[in-house]
Structures are given as C-alpha cells and as structure tokens.
C-alpha atoms as a PDB file:
ATOM      1  CA  MET A   1      -6.714   4.842  25.999  1.00  0.00           C
ATOM      2  CA  GLU A   2     -10.056   5.241  27.733  1.00  0.00           C
ATOM      3  CA  HIS A   3     -10.395   3.475  31.075  1.00  0.00           C
ATOM      4  CA  SER A   4     -14.182   3.286  31.365  1.00  0.00           C
ATOM      5  CA  CYS A   5     -16.823   2.208  28.897  1.00  0.00           C
ATOM      6  CA  HIS A   6     -20.595   2.054  29.131  1.00  0.00           C
ATOM      7  CA  LEU A   7     -21.111  -0.318  26.195  1.00  0.00           C
ATOM      8  CA  CYS A   8     -20.553  -4.052  25.911  1.00  0.00           C
ATOM      9  CA  HIS A   9     -17.236  -4.474  24.142  1.00  0.00           C
ATOM     10  CA  ILE A  10     -14.212  -6.616  23.423  1.00  0.00           C
ATOM     11  CA  ASP A  11     -11.581  -5.414  25.875  1.00  0.00           C
ATOM     12  CA  VAL A  12      -8.061  -5.882  24.490  1.00  0.00           C
ATOM     13  CA  GLN A  13      -5.320  -5.124  27.009  1.00  0.00           C
ATOM     14  CA  ASN A  14      -1.548  -5.221  26.438  1.00  0.00           C
ATOM     15  CA  VAL A  15      -1.626  -7.968  23.819  1.00  0.00           C
ATOM     16  CA  SER A  16       1.887  -8.906  22.702  1.00  0.00           C
ATOM     17  CA  VAL A  17       3.056 -11.588  20.283  1.00  0.00           C
ATOM     18  CA  SER A  18       6.604 -12.819  19.724  1.00  0.00           C
ATOM     19  CA  ARG A  19       7.873 -15.562  17.446  1.00  0.00           C
ATOM     20  CA  GLY A  20      11.417 -16.812  17.012  1.00  0.00           C
ATOM     21  CA  GLY A  21      12.745 -14.016  19.200  1.00  0.00           C
ATOM     22  CA  GLN A  22      11.054 -11.348  17.046  1.00  0.00           C
ATOM     23  CA  GLU A  23       8.454  -9.030  18.545  1.00  0.00           C
ATOM     24  CA  LEU A  24       5.427  -8.962  16.207  1.00  0.00           C
ATOM     25  CA  LEU A  25       3.030  -7.027  18.480  1.00  0.00           C
ATOM     26  CA  ARG A  26       3.758  -5.002  21.612  1.00  0.00           C
ATOM     27  CA  ASP A  27       1.208  -3.962  24.252  1.00  0.00           C
ATOM     28  CA  VAL A  28      -1.759  -3.548  21.900  1.00  0.00           C
ATOM     29  CA  SER A  29      -4.807  -2.193  23.763  1.00  0.00           C
ATOM     30  CA  MET A  30      -8.212  -1.156  22.439  1.00  0.00           C
ATOM     31  CA  HIS A  31     -11.969  -1.471  22.968  1.00  0.00           C
ATOM     32  CA  ILE A  32     -14.010  -2.935  20.094  1.00  0.00           C
ATOM     33  CA  HIS A  33     -17.510  -1.690  20.924  1.00  0.00           C
ATOM     34  CA  CYS A  34     -20.781  -3.475  20.248  1.00  0.00           C
ATOM     35  CA  GLY A  35     -22.868  -1.691  17.629  1.00  0.00           C
ATOM     36  CA  GLN A  36     -19.829   0.047  16.190  1.00  0.00           C
ATOM     37  CA  LEU A  37     -17.348  -0.540  13.404  1.00  0.00           C
ATOM     38  CA  THR A  38     -13.713  -0.362  14.487  1.00  0.00           C
ATOM     39  CA  ALA A  39     -11.180  -0.125  11.649  1.00  0.00           C
ATOM     40  CA  LEU A  40      -7.610  -1.363  11.969  1.00  0.00           C
ATOM     41  CA  ILE A  41      -5.215   0.433   9.610  1.00  0.00           C
ATOM     42  CA  GLY A  42      -1.467   0.380   9.015  1.00  0.00           C
ATOM     43  CA  GLN A  43       1.130  -0.436   6.403  1.00  0.00           C
ATOM     44  CA  ASN A  44       1.991  -3.986   5.314  1.00  0.00           C
ATOM     45  CA  GLY A  45       3.992  -5.659   8.069  1.00  0.00           C
ATOM     46  CA  ALA A  46       2.401  -3.541  10.798  1.00  0.00           C
ATOM     47  CA  GLY A  47       0.991  -6.623  12.551  1.00  0.00           C
ATOM     48  CA  LYS A  48      -2.669  -6.444  11.481  1.00  0.00           C
ATOM     49  CA  THR A  49      -2.861 -10.113  10.453  1.00  0.00           C
ATOM     50  CA  THR A  50      -0.994 -11.148  13.600  1.00  0.00           C
ATOM     51  CA  PHE A  51      -3.495  -9.219  15.712  1.00  0.00           C
ATOM     52  CA  ILE A  52      -6.440 -10.902  13.977  1.00  0.00           C
ATOM     53  CA  ARG A  53      -4.898 -14.318  14.577  1.00  0.00           C
ATOM     54  CA  ALA A  54      -4.486 -13.484  18.270  1.00  0.00           C
ATOM     55  CA  LEU A  55      -8.071 -12.228  18.439  1.00  0.00           C
ATOM     56  CA  LEU A  56      -9.248 -15.512  16.881  1.00  0.00           C
ATOM     57  CA  ARG A  57      -7.075 -17.470  19.362  1.00  0.00           C
ATOM     58  CA  GLN A  58      -5.085 -19.017  16.519  1.00  0.00           C
ATOM     59  CA  ILE A  59      -1.684 -18.086  17.991  1.00  0.00           C
ATOM     60  CA  PRO A  60      -0.360 -17.685  21.545  1.00  0.00           C
ATOM     61  CA  PHE A  61      -0.167 -14.180  22.996  1.00  0.00           C
ATOM     62  CA  SER A  62       0.367 -12.410  26.293  1.00  0.00           C
ATOM     63  CA  GLY A  63      -2.067  -9.873  27.674  1.00  0.00           C
ATOM     64  CA  SER A  64      -5.829 -10.310  27.758  1.00  0.00           C
ATOM     65  CA  ILE A  65      -8.814 -10.334  25.379  1.00  0.00           C
ATOM     66  CA  ARG A  66     -12.133 -10.240  27.251  1.00  0.00           C
ATOM     67  CA  HIS A  67     -15.782  -9.899  26.259  1.00  0.00           C
ATOM     68  CA  VAL A  68     -17.374  -7.664  28.877  1.00  0.00           C
ATOM     69  CA  ASN A  69     -20.829  -6.209  29.417  1.00  0.00           C
ATOM     70  CA  GLU A  70     -21.736  -2.562  29.987  1.00  0.00           C
ATOM     71  CA  HIS A  71     -20.861  -2.966  33.683  1.00  0.00           C
ATOM     72  CA  GLY A  72     -17.360  -4.291  32.921  1.00  0.00           C
ATOM     73  CA  ARG A  73     -18.213  -7.867  33.926  1.00  0.00           C
ATOM     74  CA  ASP A  74     -16.976 -10.793  31.856  1.00  0.00           C
ATOM     75  CA  ILE A  75     -19.380 -12.468  29.436  1.00  0.00           C
ATOM     76  CA  SER A  76     -18.254 -16.070  29.411  1.00  0.00           C
ATOM     77  CA  ARG A  77     -18.781 -16.996  25.762  1.00  0.00           C
ATOM     78  CA  LEU A  78     -17.532 -14.956  22.804  1.00  0.00           C
ATOM     79  CA  VAL A  79     -18.891 -16.048  19.417  1.00  0.00           C
ATOM     80  CA  THR A  80     -16.715 -14.736  16.581  1.00  0.00           C
ATOM     81  CA  GLY A  81     -17.551 -14.576  12.876  1.00  0.00           C
ATOM     82  CA  TYR A  82     -14.754 -14.187  10.338  1.00  0.00           C
ATOM     83  CA  VAL A  83     -14.733 -13.063   6.702  1.00  0.00           C
ATOM     84  CA  PRO A  84     -11.352 -13.664   4.997  1.00  0.00           C
ATOM     85  CA  GLN A  85      -9.910 -11.593   2.186  1.00  0.00           C
ATOM     86  CA  HIS A  86     -10.342 -14.395  -0.364  1.00  0.00           C
ATOM     87  CA  LEU A  87     -11.972 -17.805  -0.663  1.00  0.00           C
ATOM     88  CA  GLU A  88      -9.550 -20.245  -2.234  1.00  0.00           C
ATOM     89  CA  PHE A  89     -11.268 -22.949  -4.295  1.00  0.00           C
ATOM     90  CA  ASP A  90     -11.171 -24.634  -7.701  1.00  0.00           C
ATOM     91  CA  ARG A  91     -13.435 -22.482  -9.872  1.00  0.00           C
ATOM     92  CA  GLU A  92     -14.154 -25.480 -12.109  1.00  0.00           C
ATOM     93  CA  MET A  93     -15.498 -27.517  -9.202  1.00  0.00           C
ATOM     94  CA  PRO A  94     -19.250 -28.248  -9.618  1.00  0.00           C
ATOM     95  CA  LEU A  95     -20.199 -26.717  -6.276  1.00  0.00           C
ATOM     96  CA  THR A  96     -23.028 -24.234  -5.733  1.00  0.00           C
ATOM     97  CA  VAL A  97     -23.459 -21.582  -3.052  1.00  0.00           C
ATOM     98  CA  GLN A  98     -26.100 -23.817  -1.472  1.00  0.00           C
ATOM     99  CA  ASP A  99     -23.684 -26.782  -1.413  1.00  0.00           C
ATOM    100  CA  LEU A 100     -20.991 -24.771   0.373  1.00  0.00           C
ATOM    101  CA  MET A 101     -23.340 -23.159   2.872  1.00  0.00           C
ATOM    102  CA  ALA A 102     -25.061 -26.465   3.626  1.00  0.00           C
ATOM    103  CA  THR A 103     -21.814 -27.706   5.189  1.00  0.00           C
ATOM    104  CA  ALA A 104     -22.316 -25.092   7.919  1.00  0.00           C
ATOM    105  CA  PHE A 105     -26.004 -25.868   8.477  1.00  0.00           C
ATOM    106  CA  THR A 106     -25.982 -29.683   8.502  1.00  0.00           C
ATOM    107  CA  ARG A 107     -23.588 -32.519   9.222  1.00  0.00           C
ATOM    108  CA  ARG A 108     -24.917 -34.602   6.361  1.00  0.00           C
ATOM    109  CA  PRO A 109     -22.666 -34.881   3.279  1.00  0.00           C
ATOM    110  CA  VAL A 110     -23.962 -32.443   0.649  1.00  0.00           C
ATOM    111  CA  TRP A 111     -23.887 -35.160  -2.041  1.00  0.00           C
ATOM    112  CA  THR A 112     -26.789 -36.853  -0.230  1.00  0.00           C
ATOM    113  CA  GLY A 113     -28.921 -33.798  -0.993  1.00  0.00           C
ATOM    114  CA  VAL A 114     -30.046 -30.714   0.915  1.00  0.00           C
ATOM    115  CA  SER A 115     -33.333 -30.901   2.790  1.00  0.00           C
ATOM    116  CA  LYS A 116     -36.061 -28.292   2.418  1.00  0.00           C
ATOM    117  CA  ALA A 117     -35.467 -27.215   6.007  1.00  0.00           C
ATOM    118  CA  VAL A 118     -31.743 -26.619   5.437  1.00  0.00           C
ATOM    119  CA  ARG A 119     -32.435 -24.846   2.128  1.00  0.00           C
ATOM    120  CA  GLY A 120     -34.835 -22.589   4.024  1.00  0.00           C
ATOM    121  CA  GLN A 121     -32.132 -21.782   6.584  1.00  0.00           C
ATOM    122  CA  ILE A 122     -29.675 -20.984   3.802  1.00  0.00           C
ATOM    123  CA  LEU A 123     -32.186 -18.713   2.066  1.00  0.00           C
ATOM    124  CA  GLU A 124     -32.825 -16.932   5.358  1.00  0.00           C
ATOM    125  CA  ALA A 125     -29.085 -16.418   5.850  1.00  0.00           C
ATOM    126  CA  LEU A 126     -28.616 -15.115   2.308  1.00  0.00           C
ATOM    127  CA  ALA A 127     -31.608 -12.781   2.715  1.00  0.00           C
ATOM    128  CA  GLU A 128     -29.741 -11.001   5.523  1.00  0.00           C
ATOM    129  CA  VAL A 129     -27.071  -9.952   3.007  1.00  0.00           C
ATOM    130  CA  ASN A 130     -29.412  -9.344   0.033  1.00  0.00           C
ATOM    131  CA  ALA A 131     -28.151 -12.426  -1.796  1.00  0.00           C
ATOM    132  CA  THR A 132     -30.990 -14.971  -2.063  1.00  0.00           C
ATOM    133  CA  ASP A 133     -30.518 -14.994  -5.841  1.00  0.00           C
ATOM    134  CA  LEU A 134     -27.134 -16.671  -5.338  1.00  0.00           C
ATOM    135  CA  ILE A 135     -28.396 -19.878  -3.735  1.00  0.00           C
ATOM    136  CA  ASP A 136     -28.147 -22.056  -6.858  1.00  0.00           C
ATOM    137  CA  ARG A 137     -25.242 -20.153  -8.440  1.00  0.00           C
ATOM    138  CA  PRO A 138     -22.075 -22.207  -9.089  1.00  0.00           C
ATOM    139  CA  LEU A 139     -19.279 -20.819  -6.917  1.00  0.00           C
ATOM    140  CA  GLY A 140     -17.074 -20.365  -9.963  1.00  0.00           C
ATOM    141  CA  ARG A 141     -19.634 -17.978 -11.478  1.00  0.00           C
ATOM    142  CA  CYS A 142     -19.856 -15.677  -8.435  1.00  0.00           C
ATOM    143  CA  SER A 143     -18.195 -12.284  -8.697  1.00  0.00           C
ATOM    144  CA  GLY A 144     -15.824 -11.109  -5.978  1.00  0.00           C
ATOM    145  CA  GLY A 145     -18.568  -9.078  -4.319  1.00  0.00           C
ATOM    146  CA  GLU A 146     -21.046 -11.961  -4.483  1.00  0.00           C
ATOM    147  CA  THR A 147     -18.527 -14.349  -2.943  1.00  0.00           C
ATOM    148  CA  GLN A 148     -17.843 -11.910  -0.102  1.00  0.00           C
ATOM    149  CA  ARG A 149     -21.566 -11.495   0.617  1.00  0.00           C
ATOM    150  CA  MET A 150     -21.918 -15.282   0.757  1.00  0.00           C
ATOM    151  CA  LEU A 151     -18.981 -15.449   3.199  1.00  0.00           C
ATOM    152  CA  LEU A 152     -20.588 -12.676   5.238  1.00  0.00           C
ATOM    153  CA  ALA A 153     -23.822 -14.699   5.396  1.00  0.00           C
ATOM    154  CA  LEU A 154     -21.839 -17.721   6.617  1.00  0.00           C
ATOM    155  CA  SER A 155     -20.001 -15.661   9.236  1.00  0.00           C
ATOM    156  CA  LEU A 156     -23.316 -14.580  10.788  1.00  0.00           C
ATOM    157  CA  HIS A 157     -24.316 -18.151  11.747  1.00  0.00           C
ATOM    158  CA  PRO A 158     -24.201 -18.745  14.600  1.00  0.00           C
ATOM    159  CA  ALA A 159     -24.898 -15.083  15.432  1.00  0.00           C
ATOM    160  CA  PRO A 160     -21.545 -13.549  16.400  1.00  0.00           C
ATOM    161  CA  ASP A 161     -20.734 -11.124  19.199  1.00  0.00           C
ATOM    162  CA  LEU A 162     -17.676 -10.065  17.203  1.00  0.00           C
ATOM    163  CA  LEU A 163     -17.406  -9.973  13.411  1.00  0.00           C
ATOM    164  CA  VAL A 164     -13.860  -9.791  12.000  1.00  0.00           C
ATOM    165  CA  LEU A 165     -13.428  -8.675   8.380  1.00  0.00           C
ATOM    166  CA  ASP A 166      -9.944  -9.031   6.884  1.00  0.00           C
ATOM    167  CA  GLU A 167      -9.739  -6.805   3.768  1.00  0.00           C
ATOM    168  CA  PRO A 168     -13.127  -8.219   2.708  1.00  0.00           C
ATOM    169  CA  VAL A 169     -13.622  -5.965  -0.316  1.00  0.00           C
ATOM    170  CA  SER A 170     -10.136  -6.055  -1.792  1.00  0.00           C
ATOM    171  CA  GLY A 171     -10.536  -6.442  -5.558  1.00  0.00           C
ATOM    172  CA  VAL A 172     -14.338  -6.106  -5.424  1.00  0.00           C
ATOM    173  CA  ASP A 173     -15.884  -3.847  -8.081  1.00  0.00           C
ATOM    174  CA  ALA A 174     -17.507  -0.542  -7.085  1.00  0.00           C
ATOM    175  CA  GLY A 175     -21.084  -1.889  -7.228  1.00  0.00           C
ATOM    176  CA  GLY A 176     -20.205  -4.926  -5.129  1.00  0.00           C
ATOM    177  CA  LEU A 177     -18.287  -2.732  -2.684  1.00  0.00           C
ATOM    178  CA  THR A 178     -21.234  -0.389  -2.133  1.00  0.00           C
ATOM    179  CA  LEU A 179     -23.675  -3.274  -1.631  1.00  0.00           C
ATOM    180  CA  PHE A 180     -21.351  -5.064   0.782  1.00  0.00           C
ATOM    181  CA  LEU A 181     -20.782  -1.954   2.902  1.00  0.00           C
ATOM    182  CA  GLU A 182     -24.453  -0.974   2.953  1.00  0.00           C
ATOM    183  CA  THR A 183     -25.279  -4.510   4.089  1.00  0.00           C
ATOM    184  CA  LEU A 184     -22.624  -4.310   6.793  1.00  0.00           C
ATOM    185  CA  ASP A 185     -23.936  -0.936   7.972  1.00  0.00           C
ATOM    186  CA  ARG A 186     -27.470  -2.344   8.270  1.00  0.00           C
ATOM    187  CA  LEU A 187     -26.290  -5.444  10.146  1.00  0.00           C
ATOM    188  CA  ARG A 188     -24.283  -3.338  12.565  1.00  0.00           C
ATOM    189  CA  ALA A 189     -27.390  -1.331  13.449  1.00  0.00           C
ATOM    190  CA  SER A 190     -29.830  -4.257  13.601  1.00  0.00           C
ATOM    191  CA  ARG A 191     -27.639  -6.821  15.370  1.00  0.00           C
ATOM    192  CA  HIS A 192     -25.603  -4.519  17.623  1.00  0.00           C
ATOM    193  CA  MET A 193     -22.508  -6.653  17.137  1.00  0.00           C
ATOM    194  CA  ALA A 194     -18.920  -5.510  17.473  1.00  0.00           C
ATOM    195  CA  ILE A 195     -17.202  -5.286  14.079  1.00  0.00           C
ATOM    196  CA  LEU A 196     -13.472  -5.124  13.391  1.00  0.00           C
ATOM    197  CA  LEU A 197     -12.562  -4.194   9.820  1.00  0.00           C
ATOM    198  CA  VAL A 198      -9.002  -4.412   8.505  1.00  0.00           C
ATOM    199  CA  SER A 199      -8.647  -2.243   5.421  1.00  0.00           C
ATOM    200  CA  HIS A 200      -6.089  -0.403   3.301  1.00  0.00           C
ATOM    201  CA  ASP A 201      -8.830   1.792   1.830  1.00  0.00           C
ATOM    202  CA  LEU A 202      -8.511   4.944   3.912  1.00  0.00           C
ATOM    203  CA  ARG A 203     -11.451   6.684   2.231  1.00  0.00           C
ATOM    204  CA  LEU A 204     -13.706   3.723   2.965  1.00  0.00           C
ATOM    205  CA  VAL A 205     -12.540   3.714   6.587  1.00  0.00           C
ATOM    206  CA  ARG A 206     -13.220   7.432   6.965  1.00  0.00           C
ATOM    207  CA  GLU A 207     -16.758   7.021   5.609  1.00  0.00           C
ATOM    208  CA  TYR A 208     -17.861   3.905   7.518  1.00  0.00           C
ATOM    209  CA  ALA A 209     -15.764   3.529  10.694  1.00  0.00           C
ATOM    210  CA  ASP A 210     -16.799   4.786  14.114  1.00  0.00           C
ATOM    211  CA  HIS A 211     -13.349   4.213  15.602  1.00  0.00           C
ATOM    212  CA  VAL A 212      -9.932   3.853  13.957  1.00  0.00           C
ATOM    213  CA  VAL A 213      -6.818   2.186  15.359  1.00  0.00           C
ATOM    214  CA  LEU A 214      -3.485   2.937  13.664  1.00  0.00           C
ATOM    215  CA  LEU A 215      -1.135   0.015  14.196  1.00  0.00           C
ATOM    216  CA  ASP A 216       2.607  -0.371  13.698  1.00  0.00           C
ATOM    217  CA  ARG A 217       3.372  -3.386  15.890  1.00  0.00           C
ATOM    218  CA  THR A 218       1.862  -1.289  18.680  1.00  0.00           C
ATOM    219  CA  VAL A 219      -1.001   1.198  18.747  1.00  0.00           C
ATOM    220  CA  LEU A 220       0.328   4.550  17.501  1.00  0.00           C
ATOM    221  CA  THR A 221      -2.975   6.389  17.926  1.00  0.00           C
ATOM    222  CA  GLN A 222      -6.710   5.715  17.944  1.00  0.00           C
ATOM    223  CA  GLY A 223      -9.988   7.601  17.946  1.00  0.00           C
ATOM    224  CA  ALA A 224     -12.593   8.935  15.534  1.00  0.00           C
ATOM    225  CA  PRO A 225     -11.461   8.865  11.866  1.00  0.00           C
ATOM    226  CA  ASP A 226     -11.166  12.666  11.547  1.00  0.00           C
ATOM    227  CA  TYR A 227      -9.032  12.779  14.681  1.00  0.00           C
ATOM    228  CA  VAL A 228      -6.702   9.936  13.694  1.00  0.00           C
ATOM    229  CA  TYR A 229      -6.219  11.246  10.145  1.00  0.00           C
ATOM    230  CA  GLN A 230      -4.972  14.587  11.489  1.00  0.00           C
ATOM    231  CA  THR A 231      -2.361  13.162  13.870  1.00  0.00           C
ATOM    232  CA  PRO A 232       1.430  13.309  13.325  1.00  0.00           C
ATOM    233  CA  GLU A 233       1.475   9.510  13.656  1.00  0.00           C
ATOM    234  CA  PHE A 234      -0.861   9.153  10.674  1.00  0.00           C
ATOM    235  CA  ASP A 235       1.269  11.553   8.601  1.00  0.00           C
ATOM    236  CA  ARG A 236       4.400   9.623   9.527  1.00  0.00           C
ATOM    237  CA  VAL A 237       2.882   6.297   8.442  1.00  0.00           C
ATOM    238  CA  PHE A 238       0.916   7.339   5.356  1.00  0.00           C
ATOM    239  CA  GLY A 239       2.145  10.826   4.429  1.00  0.00           C
ATOM    240  CA  SER A 240       0.111  14.019   4.629  1.00  0.00           C
ATOM    241  CA  GLY A 241      -1.015  13.801   0.987  1.00  0.00           C
ATOM    242  CA  GLU A 242      -2.425  10.272   1.260  1.00  0.00           C
ATOM    243  CA  VAL A 243      -6.066  10.988   2.060  1.00  0.00           C
ATOM    244  CA  VAL A 244      -9.211  12.018   1.636  1.00  0.00           C
END
C-alpha cells in the first residue's frame, strides 16, 4: 500500500466490519483517486457489497474513510453519487423518466406538473449522459442500458466527489454497455471525480480501470490491471485461464 499520494483521493484505512460475531471485512485499505477509475473485483461473498455499504456510511465500521486533498489535508464534505445494479419498480406504472428525475430536482409532487425550469435542469442532466431523448420515455419502456444512463444522470446531481457504481452494466446489451462506459470515461476526464466500479466483468475492468483492488474480505492485492491479473492471488481467486 502506498503511503504518499499527490492527488486528492478517498483515503480508506483499515476498514473492518463485523456482524453477529462474523468478520465480513478485515483491515481494508486503499486510495480511490480523483480523476481515476478504481475497480473492485472478487468472487461472490468477498465483501464487495459490504465495503460499498461502509463507504456510503450505511453500516457501522472500524477504521477510517477520509476525503483528503493533494496535501493530505481533510476535505470536510464528501458528496457521493451511487448507481445501483438495478432499479426496482413496477414496469406498468405510468411514470416517465422526467417524472422520476423531477423528484430529485424539486420538492413539489410530480403530479402537480413539472415546471419549465425543472424540465430544463433534467434535460441538462440527461445531456451529460447522452440521453436527452429519454426525457418523456415511460420507465417501463427503457432498456437496461437506458435505465442505467438515467440513474447515472441522477447520481451526478449534486456533483459528486465520489461516484460508486455497483455492477451498473450487469445484463445490459453490448450497445448499451459501450455507450455507458464511453460516457463514464468522458465524465471521469471532464469532472475529475473519484470513481469506484464494482464489476465481475474482468475484461471490462482491464480495459477501463486505472487501478484494481482484489478483495476477499481483505485486500489480497492491488495495482494496475496488468499487474493484478498476473499475481498469484488473482490466479488463486479466479484461475489462470479466466482472463483476457
């Protein structure tokens, strides 16, 4: 683990989580750098979801999670955006993309109507993810990739310091996958945010990640994708014939 860093980053030190006497995470440490995509990989049950929940402050943990500047000083407020794996909703519900997004941009009930100003904000948010054509689309008629781009647009408001993506393209078709990842790549460069991607797609991780963390309740190894994929720890978890 590196001990100095000249970028703003999320500094995770010795994060541990236990529940009911069972150790779910042990001494997890990493830097999630601004302007970079960090990928978290591991088998089912390795603690990836538990780590995300700790990062989002949804469960108690020991250790520390700090947002620090390039000089190592604490930045008091950490704004986090989150894109889940799926959006659970009744596909027959008469709700449009605009209706759902309006709940994040105004406190008024959507059934009272959406003002021109709020619609303009929604269009601006969708434009960031190349999805303005979705604004009047019923949610039930959005493909998996379209739904994930809408959720990405929502996660960017307010502008996050850290964007957490939990298997965001699982089940998305190839066209939707490419568009989502190209959008993410552009946002990473333009917004200089820290991005944490949880993914089972090892080829995707190798192509898009700057830094990879292999987790099995604790950090087994981390580094550039090509480095991690050649380690004995990676072979032990995934097998030498798994990738790429």
